[in-house]
Amino acid sequence: MKHMDKTFARQNETVGSNYIEITLAIIMPPLAVLMNRGLTNQFFICSVLTLLGFIPGMIYAFFILFSDMKDDKLAEDMEPKS
């Protein structure tokens, strides 16, 4: 029972975090990528794309966020169920 409670809490925390990151991806795309991936090449690419045009930066930020969400879901599905 405790395992289910921890899993449920982790999912709720992730859902809330996802909403914040999606909102930031709309308002300020590089900040959303920075929060999601840290100070990596993806952040600098998103910053340059945002400076060149806001829409390309926003599209790239969504690509980074949703690819990360997909990877988390795949990893969760691969975990053994006990």
PDB file of N, CA and C in Angstrom:
ATOM      1  N   MET A   1       0.818  -1.191   0.000  1.00  0.00           N
ATOM      2  CA  MET A   1       0.000   0.000   0.000  1.00  0.00           C
ATOM      3  C   MET A   1       0.871   1.270   0.000  1.00  0.00           C
ATOM      4  N   LYS A   2       1.972   1.245   0.765  1.00  0.00           N
ATOM      5  CA  LYS A   2       2.828   2.419   0.817  1.00  0.00           C
ATOM      6  C   LYS A   2       3.477   2.687  -0.532  1.00  0.00           C
ATOM      7  N   HIS A   3       3.823   1.608  -1.256  1.00  0.00           N
ATOM      8  CA  HIS A   3       4.429   1.775  -2.581  1.00  0.00           C
ATOM      9  C   HIS A   3       3.470   2.515  -3.511  1.00  0.00           C
ATOM     10  N   MET A   4       2.190   2.175  -3.435  1.00  0.00           N
ATOM     11  CA  MET A   4       1.200   2.838  -4.283  1.00  0.00           C
ATOM     12  C   MET A   4       1.080   4.316  -3.917  1.00  0.00           C
ATOM     13  N   ASP A   5       1.141   4.629  -2.621  1.00  0.00           N
ATOM     14  CA  ASP A   5       1.047   6.023  -2.185  1.00  0.00           C
ATOM     15  C   ASP A   5       2.223   6.839  -2.700  1.00  0.00           C
ATOM     16  N   LYS A   6       3.438   6.263  -2.643  1.00  0.00           N
ATOM     17  CA  LYS A   6       4.620   6.963  -3.134  1.00  0.00           C
ATOM     18  C   LYS A   6       4.528   7.182  -4.638  1.00  0.00           C
ATOM     19  N   THR A   7       4.065   6.154  -5.357  1.00  0.00           N
ATOM     20  CA  THR A   7       3.924   6.271  -6.808  1.00  0.00           C
ATOM     21  C   THR A   7       2.907   7.342  -7.162  1.00  0.00           C
ATOM     22  N   PHE A   8       1.777   7.363  -6.452  1.00  0.00           N
ATOM     23  CA  PHE A   8       0.741   8.353  -6.702  1.00  0.00           C
ATOM     24  C   PHE A   8       1.256   9.758  -6.428  1.00  0.00           C
ATOM     25  N   ALA A   9       1.992   9.930  -5.332  1.00  0.00           N
ATOM     26  CA  ALA A   9       2.540  11.250  -4.997  1.00  0.00           C
ATOM     27  C   ALA A   9       3.541  11.690  -6.052  1.00  0.00           C
ATOM     28  N   ARG A  10       4.388  10.768  -6.525  1.00  0.00           N
ATOM     29  CA  ARG A  10       5.381  11.107  -7.544  1.00  0.00           C
ATOM     30  C   ARG A  10       4.689  11.502  -8.851  1.00  0.00           C
ATOM     31  N   GLN A  11       3.604  10.809  -9.209  1.00  0.00           N
ATOM     32  CA  GLN A  11       2.877  11.147 -10.429  1.00  0.00           C
ATOM     33  C   GLN A  11       2.236  12.519 -10.310  1.00  0.00           C
ATOM     34  N   ASN A  12       1.637  12.839  -9.152  1.00  0.00           N
ATOM     35  CA  ASN A  12       1.024  14.149  -8.971  1.00  0.00           C
ATOM     36  C   ASN A  12       2.066  15.254  -9.016  1.00  0.00           C
ATOM     37  N   GLU A  13       3.231  15.018  -8.422  1.00  0.00           N
ATOM     38  CA  GLU A  13       4.296  16.007  -8.455  1.00  0.00           C
ATOM     39  C   GLU A  13       4.759  16.224  -9.891  1.00  0.00           C
ATOM     40  N   THR A  14       4.868  15.153 -10.656  1.00  0.00           N
ATOM     41  CA  THR A  14       5.295  15.245 -12.047  1.00  0.00           C
ATOM     42  C   THR A  14       4.263  15.991 -12.883  1.00  0.00           C
ATOM     43  N   VAL A  15       2.992  15.726 -12.655  1.00  0.00           N
ATOM     44  CA  VAL A  15       1.948  16.408 -13.418  1.00  0.00           C
ATOM     45  C   VAL A  15       1.991  17.902 -13.150  1.00  0.00           C
ATOM     46  N   GLY A  16       2.125  18.314 -11.902  1.00  0.00           N
ATOM     47  CA  GLY A  16       2.216  19.734 -11.574  1.00  0.00           C
ATOM     48  C   GLY A  16       3.435  20.376 -12.198  1.00  0.00           C
ATOM     49  N   SER A  17       4.538  19.671 -12.167  1.00  0.00           N
ATOM     50  CA  SER A  17       5.772  20.168 -12.766  1.00  0.00           C
ATOM     51  C   SER A  17       5.621  20.304 -14.275  1.00  0.00           C
ATOM     52  N   ASN A  18       4.932  19.352 -14.891  1.00  0.00           N
ATOM     53  CA  ASN A  18       4.718  19.409 -16.336  1.00  0.00           C
ATOM     54  C   ASN A  18       3.917  20.645 -16.730  1.00  0.00           C
ATOM     55  N   TYR A  19       2.900  20.982 -15.956  1.00  0.00           N
ATOM     56  CA  TYR A  19       2.110  22.176 -16.270  1.00  0.00           C
ATOM     57  C   TYR A  19       2.958  23.439 -16.186  1.00  0.00           C
ATOM     58  N   ILE A  20       3.818  23.505 -15.192  1.00  0.00           N
ATOM     59  CA  ILE A  20       4.690  24.668 -15.054  1.00  0.00           C
ATOM     60  C   ILE A  20       5.649  24.760 -16.232  1.00  0.00           C
ATOM     61  N   GLU A  21       6.240  23.624 -16.606  1.00  0.00           N
ATOM     62  CA  GLU A  21       7.191  23.628 -17.718  1.00  0.00           C
ATOM     63  C   GLU A  21       6.502  23.977 -19.038  1.00  0.00           C
ATOM     64  N   ILE A  22       5.298  23.489 -19.245  1.00  0.00           N
ATOM     65  CA  ILE A  22       4.565  23.804 -20.476  1.00  0.00           C
ATOM     66  C   ILE A  22       4.228  25.293 -20.514  1.00  0.00           C
ATOM     67  N   THR A  23       3.795  25.848 -19.386  1.00  0.00           N
ATOM     68  CA  THR A  23       3.501  27.281 -19.326  1.00  0.00           C
ATOM     69  C   THR A  23       4.754  28.099 -19.608  1.00  0.00           C
ATOM     70  N   LEU A  24       5.880  27.681 -19.028  1.00  0.00           N
ATOM     71  CA  LEU A  24       7.131  28.397 -19.285  1.00  0.00           C
ATOM     72  C   LEU A  24       7.568  28.251 -20.736  1.00  0.00           C
ATOM     73  N   ALA A  25       7.291  27.096 -21.351  1.00  0.00           N
ATOM     74  CA  ALA A  25       7.653  26.907 -22.755  1.00  0.00           C
ATOM     75  C   ALA A  25       6.901  27.876 -23.653  1.00  0.00           C
ATOM     76  N   ILE A  26       5.719  28.271 -23.248  1.00  0.00           N
ATOM     77  CA  ILE A  26       4.946  29.240 -24.022  1.00  0.00           C
ATOM     78  C   ILE A  26       5.450  30.658 -23.768  1.00  0.00           C
ATOM     79  N   ILE A  27       5.723  30.981 -22.499  1.00  0.00           N
ATOM     80  CA  ILE A  27       6.104  32.345 -22.128  1.00  0.00           C
ATOM     81  C   ILE A  27       7.581  32.622 -22.406  1.00  0.00           C
ATOM     82  N   MET A  28       8.458  31.703 -21.968  1.00  0.00           N
ATOM     83  CA  MET A  28       9.902  31.886 -22.108  1.00  0.00           C
ATOM     84  C   MET A  28      10.560  30.523 -22.342  1.00  0.00           C
ATOM     85  N   PRO A  29      10.636  30.100 -23.603  1.00  0.00           N
ATOM     86  CA  PRO A  29      11.100  28.750 -23.930  1.00  0.00           C
ATOM     87  C   PRO A  29      12.459  28.350 -23.352  1.00  0.00           C
ATOM     88  N   PRO A  30      13.491  29.195 -23.389  1.00  0.00           N
ATOM     89  CA  PRO A  30      14.776  28.747 -22.835  1.00  0.00           C
ATOM     90  C   PRO A  30      14.717  28.418 -21.338  1.00  0.00           C
ATOM     91  N   LEU A  31      13.893  29.128 -20.588  1.00  0.00           N
ATOM     92  CA  LEU A  31      13.764  28.861 -19.163  1.00  0.00           C
ATOM     93  C   LEU A  31      13.150  27.480 -18.913  1.00  0.00           C
ATOM     94  N   ALA A  32      12.179  27.097 -19.726  1.00  0.00           N
ATOM     95  CA  ALA A  32      11.573  25.773 -19.591  1.00  0.00           C
ATOM     96  C   ALA A  32      12.595  24.679 -19.867  1.00  0.00           C
ATOM     97  N   VAL A  33      13.423  24.872 -20.893  1.00  0.00           N
ATOM     98  CA  VAL A  33      14.456  23.885 -21.214  1.00  0.00           C
ATOM     99  C   VAL A  33      15.512  23.853 -20.114  1.00  0.00           C
ATOM    100  N   LEU A  34      15.854  25.009 -19.572  1.00  0.00           N
ATOM    101  CA  LEU A  34      16.827  25.078 -18.481  1.00  0.00           C
ATOM    102  C   LEU A  34      16.331  24.309 -17.260  1.00  0.00           C
ATOM    103  N   MET A  35      15.061  24.471 -16.916  1.00  0.00           N
ATOM    104  CA  MET A  35      14.496  23.753 -15.774  1.00  0.00           C
ATOM    105  C   MET A  35      14.449  22.254 -16.026  1.00  0.00           C
ATOM    106  N   ASN A  36      14.200  21.866 -17.277  1.00  0.00           N
ATOM    107  CA  ASN A  36      14.040  20.452 -17.598  1.00  0.00           C
ATOM    108  C   ASN A  36      15.368  19.737 -17.765  1.00  0.00           C
ATOM    109  N   ARG A  37      16.295  20.337 -18.471  1.00  0.00           N
ATOM    110  CA  ARG A  37      17.545  19.664 -18.817  1.00  0.00           C
ATOM    111  C   ARG A  37      18.778  20.237 -18.137  1.00  0.00           C
ATOM    112  N   GLY A  38      18.680  21.429 -17.574  1.00  0.00           N
ATOM    113  CA  GLY A  38      19.847  22.062 -16.979  1.00  0.00           C
ATOM    114  C   GLY A  38      20.602  22.870 -18.022  1.00  0.00           C
ATOM    115  N   LEU A  39      21.793  23.274 -17.663  1.00  0.00           N
ATOM    116  CA  LEU A  39      22.613  24.112 -18.533  1.00  0.00           C
ATOM    117  C   LEU A  39      23.362  23.216 -19.521  1.00  0.00           C
ATOM    118  N   THR A  40      22.649  22.800 -20.560  1.00  0.00           N
ATOM    119  CA  THR A  40      23.197  21.886 -21.562  1.00  0.00           C
ATOM    120  C   THR A  40      23.125  22.530 -22.941  1.00  0.00           C
ATOM    121  N   ASN A  41      23.536  21.777 -23.934  1.00  0.00           N
ATOM    122  CA  ASN A  41      23.466  22.272 -25.314  1.00  0.00           C
ATOM    123  C   ASN A  41      22.031  22.595 -25.725  1.00  0.00           C
ATOM    124  N   GLN A  42      21.069  21.819 -25.217  1.00  0.00           N
ATOM    125  CA  GLN A  42      19.665  22.071 -25.564  1.00  0.00           C
ATOM    126  C   GLN A  42      19.238  23.476 -25.134  1.00  0.00           C
ATOM    127  N   PHE A  43      19.724  23.917 -23.985  1.00  0.00           N
ATOM    128  CA  PHE A  43      19.387  25.268 -23.512  1.00  0.00           C
ATOM    129  C   PHE A  43      19.931  26.318 -24.470  1.00  0.00           C
ATOM    130  N   PHE A  44      21.183  26.158 -24.879  1.00  0.00           N
ATOM    131  CA  PHE A  44      21.797  27.154 -25.767  1.00  0.00           C
ATOM    132  C   PHE A  44      21.142  27.139 -27.152  1.00  0.00           C
ATOM    133  N   ILE A  45      20.792  25.965 -27.647  1.00  0.00           N
ATOM    134  CA  ILE A  45      20.095  25.877 -28.936  1.00  0.00           C
ATOM    135  C   ILE A  45      18.744  26.572 -28.843  1.00  0.00           C
ATOM    136  N   CYS A  46      18.025  26.329 -27.758  1.00  0.00           N
ATOM    137  CA  CYS A  46      16.709  26.960 -27.579  1.00  0.00           C
ATOM    138  C   CYS A  46      16.854  28.475 -27.454  1.00  0.00           C
ATOM    139  N   SER A  47      17.901  28.940 -26.777  1.00  0.00           N
ATOM    140  CA  SER A  47      18.123  30.379 -26.640  1.00  0.00           C
ATOM    141  C   SER A  47      18.371  31.027 -27.990  1.00  0.00           C
ATOM    142  N   VAL A  48      19.207  30.399 -28.800  1.00  0.00           N
ATOM    143  CA  VAL A  48      19.499  30.949 -30.130  1.00  0.00           C
ATOM    144  C   VAL A  48      18.248  30.946 -30.999  1.00  0.00           C
ATOM    145  N   LEU A  49      17.501  29.835 -30.973  1.00  0.00           N
ATOM    146  CA  LEU A  49      16.267  29.772 -31.774  1.00  0.00           C
ATOM    147  C   LEU A  49      15.254  30.819 -31.322  1.00  0.00           C
ATOM    148  N   THR A  50      15.183  31.062 -30.027  1.00  0.00           N
ATOM    149  CA  THR A  50      14.255  32.075 -29.515  1.00  0.00           C
ATOM    150  C   THR A  50      14.688  33.472 -29.940  1.00  0.00           C
ATOM    151  N   LEU A  51      15.994  33.722 -29.950  1.00  0.00           N
ATOM    152  CA  LEU A  51      16.478  35.027 -30.406  1.00  0.00           C
ATOM    153  C   LEU A  51      16.240  35.228 -31.900  1.00  0.00           C
ATOM    154  N   LEU A  52      16.353  34.153 -32.675  1.00  0.00           N
ATOM    155  CA  LEU A  52      16.110  34.249 -34.118  1.00  0.00           C
ATOM    156  C   LEU A  52      14.631  34.425 -34.441  1.00  0.00           C
ATOM    157  N   GLY A  53      13.803  33.854 -33.630  1.00  0.00           N
ATOM    158  CA  GLY A  53      12.358  33.958 -33.815  1.00  0.00           C
ATOM    159  C   GLY A  53      11.687  33.232 -32.676  1.00  0.00           C
ATOM    160  N   PHE A  54      10.720  33.841 -32.069  1.00  0.00           N
ATOM    161  CA  PHE A  54      10.125  33.279 -30.862  1.00  0.00           C
ATOM    162  C   PHE A  54       9.490  31.913 -31.119  1.00  0.00           C
ATOM    163  N   ILE A  55       8.807  31.761 -32.241  1.00  0.00           N
ATOM    164  CA  ILE A  55       8.090  30.515 -32.548  1.00  0.00           C
ATOM    165  C   ILE A  55       9.048  29.325 -32.674  1.00  0.00           C
ATOM    166  N   PRO A  56      10.183  29.439 -33.393  1.00  0.00           N
ATOM    167  CA  PRO A  56      11.104  28.290 -33.442  1.00  0.00           C
ATOM    168  C   PRO A  56      11.621  27.879 -32.063  1.00  0.00           C
ATOM    169  N   GLY A  57      11.883  28.831 -31.195  1.00  0.00           N
ATOM    170  CA  GLY A  57      12.324  28.519 -29.840  1.00  0.00           C
ATOM    171  C   GLY A  57      11.247  27.801 -29.053  1.00  0.00           C
ATOM    172  N   MET A  58      10.007  28.234 -29.234  1.00  0.00           N
ATOM    173  CA  MET A  58       8.897  27.603 -28.542  1.00  0.00           C
ATOM    174  C   MET A  58       8.675  26.174 -29.049  1.00  0.00           C
ATOM    175  N   ILE A  59       8.762  25.970 -30.337  1.00  0.00           N
ATOM    176  CA  ILE A  59       8.602  24.623 -30.912  1.00  0.00           C
ATOM    177  C   ILE A  59       9.701  23.706 -30.390  1.00  0.00           C
ATOM    178  N   TYR A  60      10.930  24.195 -30.363  1.00  0.00           N
ATOM    179  CA  TYR A  60      12.049  23.382 -29.861  1.00  0.00           C
ATOM    180  C   TYR A  60      11.868  23.051 -28.384  1.00  0.00           C
ATOM    181  N   ALA A  61      11.396  24.015 -27.596  1.00  0.00           N
ATOM    182  CA  ALA A  61      11.170  23.768 -26.170  1.00  0.00           C
ATOM    183  C   ALA A  61      10.114  22.684 -25.976  1.00  0.00           C
ATOM    184  N   PHE A  62       9.029  22.756 -26.746  1.00  0.00           N
ATOM    185  CA  PHE A  62       8.010  21.707 -26.662  1.00  0.00           C
ATOM    186  C   PHE A  62       8.568  20.361 -27.081  1.00  0.00           C
ATOM    187  N   PHE A  63       9.398  20.346 -28.100  1.00  0.00           N
ATOM    188  CA  PHE A  63      10.024  19.093 -28.542  1.00  0.00           C
ATOM    189  C   PHE A  63      10.858  18.496 -27.412  1.00  0.00           C
ATOM    190  N   ILE A  64      11.657  19.309 -26.749  1.00  0.00           N
ATOM    191  CA  ILE A  64      12.496  18.834 -25.646  1.00  0.00           C
ATOM    192  C   ILE A  64      11.626  18.339 -24.488  1.00  0.00           C
ATOM    193  N   LEU A  65      10.617  19.103 -24.112  1.00  0.00           N
ATOM    194  CA  LEU A  65       9.772  18.720 -22.981  1.00  0.00           C
ATOM    195  C   LEU A  65       8.998  17.443 -23.255  1.00  0.00           C
ATOM    196  N   PHE A  66       8.395  17.347 -24.432  1.00  0.00           N
ATOM    197  CA  PHE A  66       7.572  16.172 -24.717  1.00  0.00           C
ATOM    198  C   PHE A  66       8.418  14.935 -24.989  1.00  0.00           C
ATOM    199  N   SER A  67       9.615  15.096 -25.531  1.00  0.00           N
ATOM    200  CA  SER A  67      10.473  13.927 -25.709  1.00  0.00           C
ATOM    201  C   SER A  67      10.921  13.415 -24.351  1.00  0.00           C
ATOM    202  N   ASP A  68      11.143  14.321 -23.399  1.00  0.00           N
ATOM    203  CA  ASP A  68      11.510  13.917 -22.042  1.00  0.00           C
ATOM    204  C   ASP A  68      10.341  13.220 -21.355  1.00  0.00           C
ATOM    205  N   MET A  69       9.129  13.723 -21.542  1.00  0.00           N
ATOM    206  CA  MET A  69       7.954  13.092 -20.942  1.00  0.00           C
ATOM    207  C   MET A  69       7.749  11.700 -21.520  1.00  0.00           C
ATOM    208  N   LYS A  70       7.968  11.554 -22.813  1.00  0.00           N
ATOM    209  CA  LYS A  70       7.823  10.257 -23.457  1.00  0.00           C
ATOM    210  C   LYS A  70       8.865   9.285 -22.912  1.00  0.00           C
ATOM    211  N   ASP A  71      10.109   9.749 -22.726  1.00  0.00           N
ATOM    212  CA  ASP A  71      11.164   8.895 -22.180  1.00  0.00           C
ATOM    213  C   ASP A  71      10.821   8.449 -20.760  1.00  0.00           C
ATOM    214  N   ASP A  72      10.263   9.359 -19.940  1.00  0.00           N
ATOM    215  CA  ASP A  72       9.866   8.991 -18.583  1.00  0.00           C
ATOM    216  C   ASP A  72       8.775   7.936 -18.600  1.00  0.00           C
ATOM    217  N   LYS A  73       7.824   8.089 -19.487  1.00  0.00           N
ATOM    218  CA  LYS A  73       6.718   7.124 -19.581  1.00  0.00           C
ATOM    219  C   LYS A  73       7.242   5.763 -20.024  1.00  0.00           C
ATOM    220  N   LEU A  74       8.159   5.732 -20.984  1.00  0.00           N
ATOM    221  CA  LEU A  74       8.734   4.467 -21.437  1.00  0.00           C
ATOM    222  C   LEU A  74       9.530   3.797 -20.320  1.00  0.00           C
ATOM    223  N   ALA A  75      10.303   4.569 -19.577  1.00  0.00           N
ATOM    224  CA  ALA A  75      11.078   4.010 -18.468  1.00  0.00           C
ATOM    225  C   ALA A  75      10.158   3.456 -17.387  1.00  0.00           C
ATOM    226  N   GLU A  76       9.052   4.146 -17.149  1.00  0.00           N
ATOM    227  CA  GLU A  76       8.095   3.690 -16.147  1.00  0.00           C
ATOM    228  C   GLU A  76       7.446   2.387 -16.586  1.00  0.00           C
ATOM    229  N   ASP A  77       7.156   2.262 -17.878  1.00  0.00           N
ATOM    230  CA  ASP A  77       6.548   1.031 -18.399  1.00  0.00           C
ATOM    231  C   ASP A  77       7.514  -0.143 -18.370  1.00  0.00           C
ATOM    232  N   MET A  78       8.814   0.145 -18.431  1.00  0.00           N
ATOM    233  CA  MET A  78       9.815  -0.920 -18.442  1.00  0.00           C
ATOM    234  C   MET A  78      10.131  -1.451 -17.050  1.00  0.00           C
ATOM    235  N   GLU A  79       9.762  -0.704 -15.990  1.00  0.00           N
ATOM    236  CA  GLU A  79      10.048  -1.140 -14.630  1.00  0.00           C
ATOM    237  C   GLU A  79       9.252  -2.396 -14.322  1.00  0.00           C
ATOM    238  N   PRO A  80       9.879  -3.358 -13.634  1.00  0.00           N
ATOM    239  CA  PRO A  80       9.147  -4.591 -13.273  1.00  0.00           C
ATOM    240  C   PRO A  80       8.058  -4.287 -12.259  1.00  0.00           C
ATOM    241  N   LYS A  81       6.933  -4.903 -12.458  1.00  0.00           N
ATOM    242  CA  LYS A  81       5.801  -4.744 -11.547  1.00  0.00           C
ATOM    243  C   LYS A  81       5.907  -5.804 -10.456  1.00  0.00           C
ATOM    244  N   SER A  82       5.703  -5.375  -9.200  1.00  0.00           N
ATOM    245  CA  SER A  82       5.766  -6.368  -8.129  1.00  0.00           C
ATOM    246  C   SER A  82       4.535  -6.299  -7.258  1.00  0.00           C
TER     247      SER A  82
END
